[in-house]
Protein backbone atom coordinates (compact mmCIF):
# COMPACT_ATOMS: atom_id res chain seq x y z
CA MET A 1 281.03 -15.58 -54.04
CA ARG A 2 282.33 -17.98 -51.64
CA PHE A 3 283.79 -17.54 -47.87
CA SER A 4 285.46 -19.82 -45.58
CA LEU A 5 284.11 -19.88 -42.05
CA THR A 6 287.70 -18.59 -40.92
CA SER A 7 287.32 -15.95 -42.84
CA LEU A 8 283.85 -14.70 -41.92
CA ALA A 9 284.67 -15.22 -38.04
CA ALA A 10 287.83 -13.06 -38.24
CA ALA A 11 285.68 -10.21 -39.94
CA ALA A 12 283.09 -10.43 -37.17
CA LEU A 13 285.95 -10.47 -34.81
CA SER A 14 287.21 -7.18 -36.40
CA ALA A 15 284.08 -5.59 -36.40
CA THR A 16 283.28 -6.18 -32.56
CA LEU A 17 286.81 -4.75 -31.67
CA LEU A 18 286.22 -1.44 -34.08
CA ALA A 19 282.62 -1.03 -32.70
CA GLY A 20 284.14 -0.94 -28.80
CA ALA A 21 287.36 0.86 -29.33
CA PRO A 22 287.45 4.59 -28.34
CA PRO A 23 287.43 7.55 -30.54
CA ALA A 24 290.58 8.29 -32.25
CA ALA A 25 292.61 10.77 -30.73
CA HIS A 26 292.72 13.41 -33.47
CA SER A 27 288.79 13.60 -33.39
CA ALA A 28 289.63 16.05 -30.44
CA PRO A 29 289.38 19.60 -30.94
CA PRO A 30 292.37 21.38 -30.74
CA PRO A 31 293.10 23.66 -28.02
CA GLN A 32 292.22 27.32 -28.08
CA LEU A 33 295.22 29.99 -27.91
CA PRO A 34 294.06 33.18 -27.04
CA LEU A 35 294.51 35.85 -29.66
CA LYS A 36 296.80 38.30 -27.17
CA ASP A 37 299.80 35.34 -27.39
CA PHE A 38 300.33 36.36 -30.72
CA PHE A 39 301.21 39.96 -30.56
CA HIS A 40 302.67 39.27 -26.58
CA HIS A 41 306.22 40.84 -26.00
CA PRO A 42 308.70 38.42 -25.16
CA GLU A 43 309.93 38.14 -21.92
CA ARG A 44 313.47 38.67 -22.69
CA ALA A 45 314.81 38.99 -26.32
CA TYR A 46 317.12 40.54 -28.81
CA PHE A 47 320.50 39.52 -26.52
CA ARG A 48 323.94 41.66 -28.16
CA LEU A 49 326.99 41.50 -26.41
CA SER A 50 329.26 44.51 -25.70
CA ASP A 51 332.37 44.49 -27.80
CA ASP A 52 334.74 43.57 -24.68
CA GLY A 53 332.53 40.70 -24.29
CA LYS A 54 331.89 41.56 -20.50
CA THR A 55 328.29 42.89 -20.96
CA LEU A 56 325.03 41.62 -22.03
CA GLY A 57 322.45 43.69 -23.41
CA PHE A 58 319.06 42.71 -24.27
CA MET A 59 315.23 43.95 -24.12
CA GLN A 60 312.42 43.19 -21.91
CA PRO A 61 309.01 44.77 -21.47
CA VAL A 62 308.22 47.30 -18.64
CA ALA A 63 305.01 47.81 -17.41
CA GLN A 64 303.44 51.36 -17.51
CA ALA A 65 300.85 52.87 -15.50
CA ASP A 66 298.13 52.48 -18.33
CA GLY A 67 298.53 48.59 -18.22
CA THR A 68 300.89 48.81 -21.31
CA ARG A 69 304.20 47.22 -21.49
CA ARG A 70 307.12 48.77 -23.35
CA LEU A 71 310.37 46.99 -24.23
CA ASN A 72 313.31 48.78 -23.10
CA VAL A 73 317.14 48.30 -22.61
CA PHE A 74 318.80 46.39 -20.11
CA VAL A 75 322.13 45.29 -19.37
CA GLN A 76 323.92 42.70 -17.19
CA PRO A 77 327.43 42.04 -16.34
CA LEU A 78 329.04 38.81 -17.63
CA LYS A 79 331.74 36.39 -16.09
CA GLY A 80 332.94 34.15 -18.99
CA SER A 81 329.85 33.42 -20.31
CA ALA A 82 327.68 33.33 -17.10
CA PRO A 83 325.42 36.22 -16.34
CA VAL A 84 325.95 37.78 -12.74
CA GLY A 85 323.94 39.64 -10.31
CA GLU A 86 320.44 41.57 -11.69
CA PRO A 87 320.01 43.06 -14.71
CA ARG A 88 320.17 46.78 -14.69
CA LYS A 89 317.15 49.20 -16.70
CA LEU A 90 319.03 51.38 -18.98
CA THR A 91 316.12 53.06 -20.88
CA SER A 92 312.85 54.11 -19.36
CA GLU A 93 310.70 54.77 -22.71
CA THR A 94 307.15 54.71 -22.06
CA ALA A 95 305.22 56.29 -24.95
CA ARG A 96 306.80 53.54 -27.69
CA ASP A 97 308.82 50.24 -27.84
CA ILE A 98 312.36 50.78 -28.57
CA GLY A 99 312.65 49.40 -32.38
CA THR A 100 316.26 48.00 -32.00
CA TYR A 101 319.66 49.15 -30.52
CA TYR A 102 323.29 48.86 -31.25
CA TRP A 103 326.43 48.62 -29.02
CA LYS A 104 328.75 51.38 -29.67
CA GLY A 105 332.16 49.93 -28.07
CA SER A 106 331.37 48.72 -24.75
CA ASP A 107 330.74 51.83 -22.88
CA THR A 108 327.56 53.39 -25.31
CA ILE A 109 324.41 52.46 -26.56
CA LEU A 110 322.59 53.81 -29.72
CA TYR A 111 318.99 53.52 -30.62
CA GLU A 112 316.62 55.52 -32.84
CA LYS A 113 313.63 57.52 -31.18
CA ASP A 114 310.77 58.89 -32.29
CA PHE A 115 309.87 62.21 -30.36
CA GLY A 116 306.25 63.01 -30.08
CA GLY A 117 304.86 60.30 -32.17
CA ASP A 118 305.04 62.06 -35.55
CA GLU A 119 307.66 59.24 -36.99
CA ASN A 120 310.34 61.81 -37.22
CA THR A 121 313.28 59.32 -35.32
CA HIS A 122 316.25 60.95 -33.62
CA VAL A 123 319.70 59.19 -33.07
CA VAL A 124 320.27 58.86 -29.26
CA ALA A 125 323.21 57.77 -27.26
CA VAL A 126 323.29 56.44 -23.76
CA ASP A 127 325.88 56.12 -21.47
CA VAL A 128 325.78 52.54 -20.00
CA ALA A 129 327.68 53.38 -16.73
CA SER A 130 325.24 56.31 -15.75
CA GLY A 131 322.33 55.87 -17.93
CA LYS A 132 322.69 59.62 -19.78
CA ILE A 133 320.66 60.02 -22.82
CA THR A 134 322.14 62.31 -25.09
CA ASP A 135 319.74 63.19 -28.42
CA LEU A 136 322.85 63.17 -31.41
CA THR A 137 320.36 64.82 -33.71
CA PRO A 138 317.88 67.50 -31.70
CA GLY A 139 315.47 69.67 -33.46
CA ASP A 140 311.89 69.53 -34.62
CA LYS A 141 310.67 67.68 -37.89
CA VAL A 142 314.33 66.10 -38.13
CA ARG A 143 314.24 62.45 -39.03
CA ALA A 144 317.90 60.75 -38.82
CA GLY A 145 319.30 57.38 -38.82
CA ILE A 146 322.47 55.42 -38.66
CA ILE A 147 324.55 55.24 -41.51
CA ASP A 148 327.77 53.52 -40.15
CA ASP A 149 328.73 52.65 -36.56
CA LEU A 150 332.77 53.62 -37.27
CA ARG A 151 333.84 50.73 -35.45
CA ASP A 152 337.38 51.65 -35.97
CA ASP A 153 336.44 55.18 -34.44
CA PRO A 154 335.50 54.92 -30.83
CA GLN A 155 334.42 58.84 -30.83
CA HIS A 156 332.00 58.99 -34.12
CA ILE A 157 329.41 57.54 -36.04
CA LEU A 158 327.64 58.27 -39.21
CA ILE A 159 324.17 59.88 -39.32
CA GLN A 160 321.86 60.63 -41.89
CA HIS A 161 319.52 63.41 -41.59
CA ASN A 162 317.04 66.22 -42.97
CA ARG A 163 317.56 69.30 -40.99
CA ARG A 164 318.80 71.05 -43.75
CA ASN A 165 316.23 70.34 -46.22
CA PRO A 166 313.36 68.31 -44.91
CA GLN A 167 313.11 66.53 -48.56
CA VAL A 168 316.52 65.15 -48.65
CA PHE A 169 319.10 63.35 -46.32
CA ASP A 170 322.55 64.43 -45.93
CA VAL A 171 325.24 62.48 -44.06
CA TYR A 172 327.14 63.97 -41.15
CA ARG A 173 330.05 62.61 -38.63
CA VAL A 174 328.68 63.00 -35.39
CA GLU A 175 331.02 63.25 -32.05
CA LEU A 176 329.45 61.07 -29.47
CA ARG A 177 330.48 63.04 -26.48
CA THR A 178 329.52 66.50 -27.78
CA GLY A 179 326.90 65.83 -30.43
CA LYS A 180 329.24 68.26 -32.75
CA ALA A 181 328.14 67.04 -36.51
CA THR A 182 330.80 67.76 -39.75
CA LEU A 183 328.93 67.26 -43.18
CA VAL A 184 330.39 64.26 -45.07
CA ALA A 185 327.93 64.18 -48.31
CA GLU A 186 325.45 66.77 -49.04
CA ASN A 187 322.40 65.51 -50.96
CA PRO A 188 321.60 67.44 -54.11
CA GLY A 189 318.31 66.18 -54.20
CA ASP A 190 317.99 63.27 -55.95
CA ILE A 191 320.01 60.82 -53.93
CA VAL A 192 318.16 57.88 -52.41
CA GLY A 193 320.57 56.09 -50.42
CA TRP A 194 324.27 56.12 -49.37
CA GLN A 195 326.90 53.43 -49.38
CA THR A 196 330.42 53.73 -47.18
CA ASP A 197 333.37 51.39 -47.62
CA HIS A 198 335.46 49.83 -44.84
CA ALA A 199 336.93 53.13 -43.73
CA GLY A 200 333.82 54.25 -42.99
CA ARG A 201 333.76 56.77 -46.02
CA VAL A 202 330.69 57.71 -48.08
CA ARG A 203 332.20 56.74 -51.54
CA ALA A 204 328.89 55.16 -53.14
CA ALA A 205 325.16 56.30 -53.73
CA VAL A 206 322.04 55.67 -55.74
CA ARG A 207 320.45 58.23 -57.56
CA SER A 208 316.95 58.56 -59.00
CA GLN A 209 315.54 60.26 -61.96
CA GLY A 210 311.89 59.13 -63.14
CA LEU A 211 311.98 55.93 -64.14
CA ASN A 212 315.98 55.85 -64.23
CA THR A 213 318.37 54.83 -61.11
CA MET A 214 321.77 55.43 -61.30
CA LEU A 215 324.56 53.75 -59.07
CA LEU A 216 327.05 56.45 -58.21
CA TYR A 217 330.97 55.87 -57.40
CA ARG A 218 333.96 58.13 -56.29
CA PRO A 219 337.41 56.97 -55.24
CA ASP A 220 337.89 58.97 -52.23
CA GLU A 221 335.43 61.67 -50.23
CA LYS A 222 337.42 64.72 -51.90
CA SER A 223 336.35 63.61 -55.48
CA GLU A 224 332.89 64.07 -57.15
CA PHE A 225 330.57 61.25 -57.55
CA LYS A 226 330.30 59.74 -61.29
CA THR A 227 327.71 57.29 -63.12
CA LEU A 228 328.63 54.00 -63.02
CA VAL A 229 325.43 52.42 -64.11
CA THR A 230 321.99 53.52 -65.37
CA THR A 231 319.23 51.16 -65.16
CA ASP A 232 315.60 51.10 -65.86
CA TYR A 233 312.38 50.36 -64.18
CA LYS A 234 312.95 46.82 -65.48
CA THR A 235 316.73 46.40 -64.42
CA GLU A 236 317.97 46.79 -60.76
CA VAL A 237 321.48 46.91 -59.89
CA ASP A 238 321.54 47.09 -55.70
CA PRO A 239 325.17 48.11 -54.02
CA ALA A 240 325.84 45.74 -51.35
CA PHE A 241 329.02 46.28 -49.63
CA PHE A 242 332.65 47.06 -50.92
CA THR A 243 335.24 44.51 -51.62
CA PRO A 244 338.31 44.11 -49.13
CA ASP A 245 340.60 46.37 -50.47
CA ASP A 246 337.66 49.09 -51.09
CA ARG A 247 338.22 49.28 -54.88
CA LYS A 248 334.99 47.00 -56.07
CA LEU A 249 331.38 46.73 -55.15
CA TYR A 250 329.39 43.66 -54.27
CA ALA A 251 325.99 43.96 -55.57
CA ILE A 252 322.71 42.47 -56.59
CA SER A 253 321.93 42.49 -60.37
CA ASN A 254 319.94 41.09 -63.19
CA ARG A 255 321.39 43.07 -65.81
CA GLY A 256 321.66 40.79 -68.71
CA ARG A 257 319.97 37.95 -67.22
CA ASP A 258 316.29 37.28 -66.06
CA LYS A 259 316.97 36.49 -62.25
CA LYS A 260 319.00 38.86 -59.85
CA ALA A 261 322.53 37.43 -59.12
CA LEU A 262 325.41 37.92 -56.34
CA VAL A 263 327.85 40.22 -58.50
CA VAL A 264 331.03 42.03 -58.31
CA ILE A 265 331.44 45.74 -60.45
CA ASP A 266 335.09 47.20 -60.84
CA PRO A 267 334.70 50.84 -61.21
CA ASP A 268 336.75 50.78 -63.90
CA GLU A 269 334.89 48.50 -66.19
CA PRO A 270 331.07 48.95 -64.60
CA ASP A 271 329.69 46.69 -67.54
CA ALA A 272 331.58 43.67 -67.12
CA GLU A 273 330.08 42.24 -63.99
CA GLU A 274 331.78 39.36 -62.40
CA VAL A 275 329.00 36.82 -61.16
CA LEU A 276 329.83 35.34 -58.24
CA PHE A 277 326.46 33.36 -57.57
CA GLU A 278 323.38 32.89 -59.33
CA HIS A 279 320.19 30.49 -58.99
CA PRO A 280 318.38 29.43 -62.35
CA GLN A 281 315.30 29.48 -60.54
CA VAL A 282 314.91 32.35 -58.10
CA ASP A 283 316.29 35.85 -57.53
CA VAL A 284 319.20 36.15 -54.78
CA ALA A 285 317.71 38.43 -52.67
CA GLY A 286 320.76 40.09 -50.47
CA ALA A 287 323.89 39.13 -49.19
CA ALA A 288 325.65 39.56 -45.89
CA SER A 289 329.32 38.94 -44.52
CA ALA A 290 330.63 37.26 -41.81
CA LEU A 291 332.71 38.84 -39.27
CA PRO A 292 335.46 36.54 -37.51
CA PRO A 293 335.42 37.36 -33.53
CA SER A 294 339.24 37.90 -33.97
CA CYS A 295 338.32 40.89 -36.23
CA ARG A 296 336.94 43.14 -33.49
CA ALA A 297 340.70 43.69 -32.23
CA ILE A 298 342.86 43.81 -35.62
CA SER A 299 339.95 44.82 -37.90
CA SER A 300 342.33 45.90 -40.64
CA THR A 301 344.31 42.42 -40.83
CA CYS A 302 341.16 40.72 -41.09
CA LYS A 303 339.54 42.29 -43.98
CA ALA A 304 340.58 39.46 -46.51
CA ARG A 305 339.10 36.68 -44.14
CA ARG A 306 335.36 37.82 -44.27
CA ALA A 307 333.05 35.84 -46.74
CA PRO A 308 329.73 36.64 -47.76
CA ARG A 309 326.66 35.23 -47.33
CA THR A 310 323.92 35.19 -49.65
CA SER A 311 320.13 34.69 -49.29
CA SER A 312 317.73 33.47 -52.06
CA SER A 313 314.17 31.88 -52.24
CA SER A 314 316.01 28.90 -53.32
CA PRO A 315 315.55 25.19 -52.00
CA PRO A 316 318.14 23.95 -49.25
CA ALA A 317 319.96 21.54 -51.55
CA ALA A 318 320.79 24.98 -53.52
CA THR A 319 322.77 26.61 -50.34
CA ALA A 320 325.76 24.49 -50.91
CA ARG A 321 326.63 26.53 -53.91
CA ARG A 322 326.43 29.69 -52.58
CA ALA A 323 329.08 32.32 -53.06
CA ARG A 324 332.62 31.96 -51.10
CA ALA A 325 334.30 34.83 -52.46
CA THR A 326 335.96 37.19 -50.04
CA SER A 327 334.30 40.20 -48.42
CA THR A 328 334.02 43.00 -45.89
CA THR A 329 332.18 43.78 -43.01
CA TRP A 330 327.98 44.63 -43.76
CA ARG A 331 325.31 44.93 -41.42
CA ARG A 332 321.48 44.82 -41.72
CA THR A 333 319.49 47.42 -39.87
CA ALA A 334 318.64 45.85 -37.07
CA SER A 335 314.81 45.67 -36.98
CA PRO A 336 314.90 42.66 -34.62
CA SER A 337 313.65 39.51 -36.25
CA SER A 338 314.78 36.87 -33.92
CA ALA A 339 314.37 36.91 -29.94
CA THR A 340 318.37 35.34 -30.25
CA SER A 341 319.72 37.70 -32.11
CA THR A 342 323.04 38.87 -31.51
CA ARG A 343 323.90 41.42 -34.70
CA ARG A 344 325.63 44.23 -33.20
CA SER A 345 325.39 47.43 -35.70
CA PRO A 346 324.42 48.90 -38.97
CA ARG A 347 327.90 48.46 -40.09
CA ARG A 348 328.73 49.29 -43.77
CA ARG A 349 325.55 48.72 -45.33
CA TRP A 350 323.56 50.54 -48.30
CA ARG A 351 321.22 52.94 -46.39
CA ARG A 352 318.15 54.34 -48.27
CA CYS A 353 317.38 57.83 -47.46
CA GLY A 354 314.90 58.31 -44.77
CA ARG A 355 314.37 54.66 -44.02
CA SER A 356 315.36 52.10 -41.17
CA THR A 357 315.69 49.20 -43.64
CA THR A 358 318.23 47.94 -45.93
CA ARG A 359 317.55 47.04 -49.84
CA ALA A 360 320.03 43.95 -49.19
CA ALA A 361 318.49 40.91 -47.75
CA THR A 362 314.93 41.59 -48.94
CA ALA A 363 312.78 39.10 -50.97
């Protein structure tokens, strides 16, 4: 093999330069991060606006005497979009963090509180002006949760609890000022979830009997529930929310297909699903709807403008094909998942009895 003098000189020069060069930057060990940083409370998070847009709510950790820090709710007035003055601490929870909170109008904040650490959460209301806390579901061994915040009814919310029978959850309309509860739907013993329409009426439910699950429906609260769909353990039909006219249901279903899809179910023809969106490779995980700001003031005239959003485990390119059909308001139970979350309420969602999460939007 023959080499030119020029080639040998270039190789020698390269070797000399490499030998004297400093080590590459990536060879340095990565910085060590304290383990506590991964479990630390954010300094300020979970921002939500009051209905009139004049008050900002958020959660912030408060130091306790034993050195722990508990997330509590703070409020701060706004001038336009800018906070003014100092934040005011609204709650004083010391035993546990507040998991989430909701605005009810502009004068009340709702959250679920575990009294005594027995996992039996109560629904409490806080007067924003005075800080007065009212337990809306008092009693020992009572577990409660919010079904619907009834945005169009400033005095009431829908709550489910198991005071009548510890094993099942009934639905009540509760007055915020007095705590007076009126039974709306009594659980016969096998109902595992409730669904309200856009007027806050309980008109759909899910029944579980052995390996079979039934989707129930009624045209109004005075009528009896009837079975629309019966599925076995291999098939799922999960109601999401009602259509704008409150006559049909959006649902996540895999009836007759390998993957779950977003469909519309007509109670008059429950076996004839109208497919709005499906993906050939992955299940549709859930559906949510967007609420235009103008609908806060005139919700009855804006129902036809609300469009559902679907979520799936699909690649980004698939998001362009997501459903655009008109929908109405649906809100997930707000276990805060983002420090910038502004979701206001659990409105119009499918609610599993005794649980603080919803079936829609789960993988």
